[in-house]
């Protein structure tokens, strides 16, 4: 299509030409046409210009926030003491049973055993 100042725009699909200002008086050309023509004189382009614009899609409904937060099951850790595994224990159970920063702990999702001081959920309770 020819844009402002006879600037050539395209080749682009018709819908993109419309977004770039294509109207019935705009000159258009495509392979196989001997010369530039008004968009109204090119059947496929004229039909696209007559077609109603697609209705805007309504926004996707957002889930309403739950008034009561769902409780998640407490994460349970195993400990490794004196070459023995014990547990599983919640963080509070670990603390009440005297876990130290150097106690090795593990739970599902961890790549391996780690010192309790290196596990943020446990370290936060040990320091308090």
N, C-alpha and C. Protein backbone atom coordinates (compact mmCIF):
# COMPACT_ATOMS: atom_id res chain seq x y z
N UNK A 1 0.86 -1.17 0.00
CA UNK A 1 0.00 0.00 0.00
C UNK A 1 0.89 1.22 0.00
N UNK A 2 0.35 2.32 -0.43
CA UNK A 2 1.07 3.59 -0.38
C UNK A 2 0.58 4.35 0.83
N UNK A 3 1.50 4.72 1.69
CA UNK A 3 1.16 5.47 2.88
C UNK A 3 1.39 6.95 2.65
N UNK A 4 1.43 7.73 3.74
CA UNK A 4 1.66 9.16 3.62
C UNK A 4 2.95 9.45 2.86
N UNK A 5 2.89 10.45 1.98
CA UNK A 5 4.07 10.82 1.20
C UNK A 5 4.45 9.76 0.19
N UNK A 6 3.47 8.95 -0.23
CA UNK A 6 3.70 7.86 -1.18
C UNK A 6 4.74 6.85 -0.69
N UNK A 7 4.85 6.72 0.61
CA UNK A 7 5.76 5.74 1.20
C UNK A 7 5.16 4.34 1.04
N UNK A 8 5.94 3.42 0.50
CA UNK A 8 5.45 2.06 0.33
C UNK A 8 5.46 1.35 1.68
N UNK A 9 4.33 0.74 2.02
CA UNK A 9 4.19 -0.02 3.26
C UNK A 9 3.83 -1.44 2.87
N UNK A 10 4.64 -2.38 3.28
CA UNK A 10 4.33 -3.76 2.99
C UNK A 10 5.48 -4.42 2.25
N UNK A 11 5.29 -5.61 1.82
CA UNK A 11 4.02 -6.34 1.80
C UNK A 11 3.61 -6.79 3.21
N UNK A 12 2.31 -6.66 3.48
CA UNK A 12 1.74 -7.05 4.76
C UNK A 12 0.38 -7.70 4.52
N UNK A 13 -0.08 -8.54 5.43
CA UNK A 13 -1.44 -9.06 5.33
C UNK A 13 -2.44 -7.89 5.42
N UNK A 14 -3.62 -8.10 4.87
CA UNK A 14 -4.62 -7.03 4.81
C UNK A 14 -4.93 -6.48 6.19
N UNK A 15 -5.08 -7.34 7.20
CA UNK A 15 -5.42 -6.83 8.54
C UNK A 15 -4.35 -5.89 9.08
N UNK A 16 -3.09 -6.16 8.75
CA UNK A 16 -2.02 -5.26 9.20
C UNK A 16 -2.03 -3.96 8.40
N UNK A 17 -2.40 -4.04 7.13
CA UNK A 17 -2.53 -2.81 6.34
C UNK A 17 -3.63 -1.92 6.91
N UNK A 18 -4.74 -2.55 7.30
CA UNK A 18 -5.83 -1.78 7.91
C UNK A 18 -5.34 -1.07 9.16
N UNK A 19 -4.55 -1.77 9.98
CA UNK A 19 -4.01 -1.14 11.21
C UNK A 19 -3.05 -0.01 10.88
N UNK A 20 -2.48 -0.04 9.66
CA UNK A 20 -1.56 1.02 9.23
C UNK A 20 -2.27 2.13 8.47
N UNK A 21 -3.61 2.16 8.51
CA UNK A 21 -4.36 3.26 7.92
C UNK A 21 -4.98 2.98 6.57
N UNK A 22 -4.99 1.74 6.10
CA UNK A 22 -5.61 1.40 4.82
C UNK A 22 -7.08 1.80 4.83
N UNK A 23 -7.53 2.47 3.75
CA UNK A 23 -8.94 2.79 3.58
C UNK A 23 -9.30 2.60 2.12
N UNK A 24 -10.53 2.83 1.75
CA UNK A 24 -10.98 2.55 0.39
C UNK A 24 -10.25 3.36 -0.67
N UNK A 25 -9.71 4.54 -0.31
CA UNK A 25 -9.01 5.39 -1.28
C UNK A 25 -7.51 5.12 -1.35
N UNK A 26 -6.99 4.29 -0.45
CA UNK A 26 -5.57 3.98 -0.43
C UNK A 26 -5.19 3.19 -1.67
N UNK A 27 -4.06 3.55 -2.26
CA UNK A 27 -3.57 2.79 -3.41
C UNK A 27 -2.85 1.54 -2.92
N UNK A 28 -3.18 0.39 -3.57
CA UNK A 28 -2.57 -0.88 -3.19
C UNK A 28 -2.09 -1.59 -4.45
N UNK A 29 -1.15 -2.51 -4.24
CA UNK A 29 -0.64 -3.31 -5.34
C UNK A 29 -0.13 -4.62 -4.76
N UNK A 30 -0.29 -5.69 -5.53
CA UNK A 30 0.28 -6.99 -5.18
C UNK A 30 0.73 -7.66 -6.46
N UNK A 31 1.54 -8.68 -6.33
CA UNK A 31 2.03 -9.39 -7.51
C UNK A 31 0.87 -9.82 -8.39
N UNK A 32 1.06 -9.67 -9.70
CA UNK A 32 0.02 -10.05 -10.65
C UNK A 32 -0.85 -8.89 -11.07
N UNK A 33 -0.80 -7.78 -10.31
CA UNK A 33 -1.58 -6.60 -10.70
C UNK A 33 -0.72 -5.74 -11.63
N UNK A 34 -1.30 -5.25 -12.75
CA UNK A 34 -0.49 -4.46 -13.67
C UNK A 34 -0.15 -3.07 -13.14
N UNK A 35 -0.95 -2.56 -12.21
CA UNK A 35 -0.70 -1.20 -11.69
C UNK A 35 -1.33 -1.04 -10.31
N UNK A 36 -1.02 0.05 -9.63
CA UNK A 36 -1.59 0.38 -8.34
C UNK A 36 -3.07 0.69 -8.54
N UNK A 37 -3.92 0.26 -7.59
CA UNK A 37 -5.36 0.52 -7.66
C UNK A 37 -5.82 0.98 -6.29
N UNK A 38 -6.96 1.67 -6.31
CA UNK A 38 -7.61 2.04 -5.04
C UNK A 38 -8.04 0.75 -4.35
N UNK A 39 -7.93 0.72 -3.02
CA UNK A 39 -8.30 -0.47 -2.26
C UNK A 39 -9.74 -0.88 -2.55
N UNK A 40 -10.64 0.09 -2.79
CA UNK A 40 -12.04 -0.22 -3.07
C UNK A 40 -12.20 -0.98 -4.38
N UNK A 41 -11.21 -0.89 -5.29
CA UNK A 41 -11.29 -1.56 -6.59
C UNK A 41 -10.63 -2.94 -6.60
N UNK A 42 -10.09 -3.37 -5.46
CA UNK A 42 -9.47 -4.70 -5.36
C UNK A 42 -10.40 -5.55 -4.49
N UNK A 43 -11.11 -6.52 -5.09
CA UNK A 43 -12.17 -7.24 -4.36
C UNK A 43 -11.77 -7.78 -2.98
N UNK A 44 -10.63 -8.42 -2.85
CA UNK A 44 -10.25 -9.01 -1.56
C UNK A 44 -10.01 -7.92 -0.51
N UNK A 45 -9.42 -6.81 -0.95
CA UNK A 45 -9.14 -5.72 -0.01
C UNK A 45 -10.44 -5.01 0.35
N UNK A 46 -11.28 -4.76 -0.64
CA UNK A 46 -12.56 -4.09 -0.39
C UNK A 46 -13.41 -4.91 0.57
N UNK A 47 -13.42 -6.24 0.39
CA UNK A 47 -14.19 -7.10 1.28
C UNK A 47 -13.66 -7.01 2.71
N UNK A 48 -12.35 -6.97 2.85
CA UNK A 48 -11.76 -6.88 4.19
C UNK A 48 -12.12 -5.55 4.84
N UNK A 49 -12.20 -4.49 4.03
CA UNK A 49 -12.55 -3.19 4.59
C UNK A 49 -14.02 -3.12 4.98
N UNK A 50 -14.88 -3.88 4.29
CA UNK A 50 -16.31 -3.89 4.62
C UNK A 50 -16.61 -4.78 5.83
N UNK A 51 -15.75 -5.75 6.07
CA UNK A 51 -15.98 -6.69 7.18
C UNK A 51 -15.96 -5.93 8.50
N UNK A 52 -16.90 -6.24 9.37
CA UNK A 52 -16.89 -5.56 10.66
C UNK A 52 -15.63 -5.93 11.45
N UNK A 53 -15.17 -4.98 12.20
CA UNK A 53 -14.00 -5.23 13.04
C UNK A 53 -14.37 -6.28 14.07
N UNK A 54 -13.45 -7.17 14.37
CA UNK A 54 -13.77 -8.18 15.38
C UNK A 54 -14.08 -7.52 16.72
N UNK A 55 -15.06 -8.05 17.37
CA UNK A 55 -15.44 -7.51 18.68
C UNK A 55 -14.28 -7.72 19.65
N UNK A 56 -14.03 -6.73 20.47
CA UNK A 56 -12.95 -6.92 21.44
C UNK A 56 -13.30 -8.05 22.39
N UNK A 57 -12.30 -8.82 22.71
CA UNK A 57 -12.50 -9.94 23.62
C UNK A 57 -12.64 -9.43 25.04
N UNK A 58 -13.62 -9.94 25.78
CA UNK A 58 -13.73 -9.51 27.18
C UNK A 58 -12.52 -10.00 27.95
N UNK A 59 -12.13 -9.27 28.96
CA UNK A 59 -10.98 -9.72 29.74
C UNK A 59 -11.30 -11.05 30.42
N UNK A 60 -10.27 -11.84 30.58
CA UNK A 60 -10.45 -13.11 31.27
C UNK A 60 -10.85 -12.85 32.71
N UNK A 61 -11.85 -13.56 33.20
CA UNK A 61 -12.24 -13.33 34.60
C UNK A 61 -11.11 -13.72 35.53
N UNK A 62 -10.91 -12.90 36.50
CA UNK A 62 -9.88 -13.18 37.51
C UNK A 62 -10.53 -13.92 38.66
N UNK A 63 -9.86 -14.92 39.18
CA UNK A 63 -10.44 -15.63 40.32
C UNK A 63 -10.57 -14.68 41.50
N UNK A 64 -11.69 -14.78 42.17
CA UNK A 64 -11.87 -13.90 43.32
C UNK A 64 -10.99 -14.42 44.46
N UNK A 65 -10.42 -13.49 45.19
CA UNK A 65 -9.54 -13.94 46.29
C UNK A 65 -10.37 -14.66 47.35
N UNK A 66 -9.79 -15.72 47.87
CA UNK A 66 -10.46 -16.45 48.94
C UNK A 66 -10.45 -15.60 50.20
N UNK A 67 -11.60 -15.47 50.85
CA UNK A 67 -11.61 -14.69 52.10
C UNK A 67 -10.79 -15.37 53.19
N UNK A 68 -10.69 -16.69 53.11
CA UNK A 68 -9.91 -17.43 54.11
C UNK A 68 -8.77 -18.10 53.35
N UNK A 69 -7.52 -17.76 53.66
CA UNK A 69 -6.42 -18.38 52.94
C UNK A 69 -6.40 -19.89 53.18
N UNK A 70 -6.12 -20.61 52.12
CA UNK A 70 -6.03 -22.06 52.24
C UNK A 70 -4.79 -22.42 53.05
N UNK A 71 -4.96 -23.36 53.93
CA UNK A 71 -3.80 -23.78 54.71
C UNK A 71 -3.08 -24.87 53.95
N UNK A 72 -1.79 -24.79 53.98
CA UNK A 72 -0.98 -25.80 53.33
C UNK A 72 -0.42 -26.73 54.40
N UNK A 73 -0.27 -27.99 54.05
CA UNK A 73 0.29 -28.88 55.05
C UNK A 73 1.70 -28.43 55.43
N UNK A 74 2.00 -28.58 56.69
CA UNK A 74 3.32 -28.17 57.18
C UNK A 74 4.41 -29.01 56.53
N UNK A 75 5.48 -28.35 56.15
CA UNK A 75 6.62 -29.06 55.59
C UNK A 75 7.27 -29.85 56.72
N UNK A 76 7.61 -31.08 56.42
CA UNK A 76 8.25 -31.92 57.44
C UNK A 76 9.64 -32.29 56.96
N UNK A 77 10.57 -32.18 57.89
CA UNK A 77 11.99 -32.42 57.61
C UNK A 77 12.46 -33.68 58.31
N UNK A 78 13.44 -34.31 57.73
CA UNK A 78 14.15 -35.41 58.39
C UNK A 78 15.48 -34.83 58.87
N UNK A 79 15.99 -35.41 59.94
CA UNK A 79 17.29 -34.98 60.45
C UNK A 79 18.24 -36.18 60.41
N UNK A 80 19.52 -35.85 60.37
CA UNK A 80 20.56 -36.88 60.33
C UNK A 80 21.48 -36.61 61.50
N UNK A 81 21.41 -37.51 62.51
CA UNK A 81 22.20 -37.34 63.73
C UNK A 81 22.82 -38.69 64.08
N UNK A 82 24.14 -38.67 64.38
CA UNK A 82 24.86 -39.90 64.76
C UNK A 82 24.61 -41.04 63.76
N UNK A 83 24.76 -40.71 62.48
CA UNK A 83 24.61 -41.70 61.41
C UNK A 83 23.22 -42.34 61.35
N UNK A 84 22.22 -41.65 61.87
CA UNK A 84 20.84 -42.15 61.86
C UNK A 84 19.91 -41.05 61.32
N UNK A 85 18.88 -41.48 60.56
CA UNK A 85 17.85 -40.55 60.12
C UNK A 85 16.68 -40.60 61.08
N UNK A 86 16.10 -39.43 61.38
CA UNK A 86 14.94 -39.35 62.25
C UNK A 86 13.92 -38.43 61.59
N UNK A 87 12.67 -38.64 61.92
CA UNK A 87 11.64 -37.74 61.41
C UNK A 87 10.63 -38.50 60.58
N UNK A 88 9.77 -37.80 59.99
CA UNK A 88 9.78 -36.36 59.68
C UNK A 88 9.23 -35.51 60.83
N UNK A 89 9.72 -34.25 60.87
CA UNK A 89 9.33 -33.29 61.90
C UNK A 89 8.97 -31.97 61.25
N UNK A 90 8.01 -31.25 61.85
CA UNK A 90 7.74 -29.88 61.42
C UNK A 90 8.87 -29.01 61.94
N UNK A 91 8.94 -27.78 61.46
CA UNK A 91 9.99 -26.86 61.94
C UNK A 91 9.86 -26.66 63.44
N UNK A 92 8.64 -26.48 63.92
CA UNK A 92 8.45 -26.27 65.37
C UNK A 92 8.90 -27.49 66.17
N UNK A 93 8.65 -28.69 65.64
CA UNK A 93 9.11 -29.90 66.33
C UNK A 93 10.63 -29.98 66.33
N UNK A 94 11.25 -29.56 65.23
CA UNK A 94 12.72 -29.56 65.18
C UNK A 94 13.27 -28.65 66.28
N UNK A 95 12.70 -27.46 66.38
CA UNK A 95 13.20 -26.48 67.36
C UNK A 95 12.97 -26.99 68.78
N UNK A 96 11.78 -27.53 69.04
CA UNK A 96 11.50 -28.00 70.41
C UNK A 96 12.35 -29.21 70.78
N UNK A 97 12.89 -29.92 69.79
CA UNK A 97 13.74 -31.07 70.07
C UNK A 97 15.22 -30.71 70.02
N UNK A 98 15.54 -29.41 69.98
CA UNK A 98 16.92 -28.97 70.13
C UNK A 98 17.78 -29.03 68.88
N UNK A 99 17.20 -28.90 67.70
CA UNK A 99 18.01 -28.88 66.49
C UNK A 99 18.95 -27.68 66.56
N UNK A 100 20.19 -27.89 66.15
CA UNK A 100 21.19 -26.82 66.17
C UNK A 100 21.45 -26.35 64.75
N UNK A 101 22.10 -25.21 64.58
CA UNK A 101 22.40 -24.73 63.23
C UNK A 101 23.19 -25.73 62.39
N UNK A 102 23.97 -26.61 63.03
CA UNK A 102 24.79 -27.55 62.27
C UNK A 102 24.11 -28.90 62.02
N UNK A 103 22.90 -29.11 62.57
CA UNK A 103 22.17 -30.37 62.33
C UNK A 103 21.84 -30.48 60.85
N UNK A 104 22.08 -31.66 60.27
CA UNK A 104 21.74 -31.88 58.86
C UNK A 104 20.25 -32.18 58.74
N UNK A 105 19.60 -31.49 57.79
CA UNK A 105 18.17 -31.66 57.57
C UNK A 105 17.91 -31.88 56.08
N UNK A 106 16.74 -32.49 55.79
CA UNK A 106 16.35 -32.69 54.40
C UNK A 106 14.84 -32.83 54.34
N UNK A 107 14.25 -32.35 53.22
CA UNK A 107 12.84 -32.56 52.92
C UNK A 107 12.68 -32.72 51.43
N UNK A 108 11.54 -33.22 50.99
CA UNK A 108 11.28 -33.37 49.55
C UNK A 108 11.49 -32.05 48.84
N UNK A 109 12.13 -32.12 47.70
CA UNK A 109 12.39 -30.91 46.92
C UNK A 109 13.79 -30.36 47.12
N UNK A 110 14.45 -30.75 48.23
CA UNK A 110 15.82 -30.31 48.46
C UNK A 110 16.75 -31.24 47.69
N UNK A 111 17.83 -30.70 47.10
CA UNK A 111 18.73 -31.55 46.34
C UNK A 111 19.55 -32.50 47.21
N UNK A 112 19.70 -32.18 48.46
CA UNK A 112 20.47 -33.04 49.36
C UNK A 112 20.37 -32.53 50.78
N UNK A 113 21.10 -33.16 51.67
CA UNK A 113 21.11 -32.75 53.08
C UNK A 113 21.78 -31.39 53.20
N UNK A 114 21.29 -30.56 54.13
CA UNK A 114 21.86 -29.23 54.35
C UNK A 114 21.85 -28.94 55.84
N UNK A 115 22.75 -28.08 56.26
CA UNK A 115 22.75 -27.65 57.66
C UNK A 115 21.48 -26.86 57.91
N UNK A 116 20.90 -27.02 59.09
CA UNK A 116 19.67 -26.32 59.45
C UNK A 116 19.83 -24.81 59.27
N UNK A 117 21.02 -24.29 59.55
CA UNK A 117 21.28 -22.86 59.42
C UNK A 117 21.19 -22.39 57.97
N UNK A 118 21.31 -23.33 57.00
CA UNK A 118 21.26 -22.98 55.58
C UNK A 118 19.86 -23.14 54.98
N UNK A 119 18.89 -23.55 55.79
CA UNK A 119 17.50 -23.70 55.33
C UNK A 119 16.72 -22.53 55.93
N UNK A 120 16.33 -21.56 55.12
CA UNK A 120 15.72 -20.33 55.64
C UNK A 120 14.56 -20.55 56.61
N UNK A 121 13.66 -21.50 56.34
CA UNK A 121 12.52 -21.71 57.22
C UNK A 121 12.94 -22.16 58.60
N UNK A 122 14.02 -22.93 58.67
CA UNK A 122 14.49 -23.42 59.98
C UNK A 122 15.41 -22.37 60.61
N UNK A 123 16.29 -21.80 59.83
CA UNK A 123 17.25 -20.82 60.34
C UNK A 123 16.53 -19.66 61.00
N UNK A 124 15.40 -19.22 60.45
CA UNK A 124 14.67 -18.10 61.02
C UNK A 124 14.20 -18.42 62.43
N UNK A 125 13.85 -19.66 62.68
CA UNK A 125 13.36 -20.05 64.02
C UNK A 125 14.52 -20.31 64.98
N UNK A 126 15.64 -20.81 64.48
CA UNK A 126 16.78 -21.07 65.35
C UNK A 126 17.31 -19.78 65.92
N UNK A 127 17.30 -18.74 65.14
CA UNK A 127 17.89 -17.46 65.58
C UNK A 127 17.01 -16.70 66.56
N UNK A 128 15.76 -17.10 66.70
CA UNK A 128 14.87 -16.35 67.58
C UNK A 128 14.83 -16.92 68.96
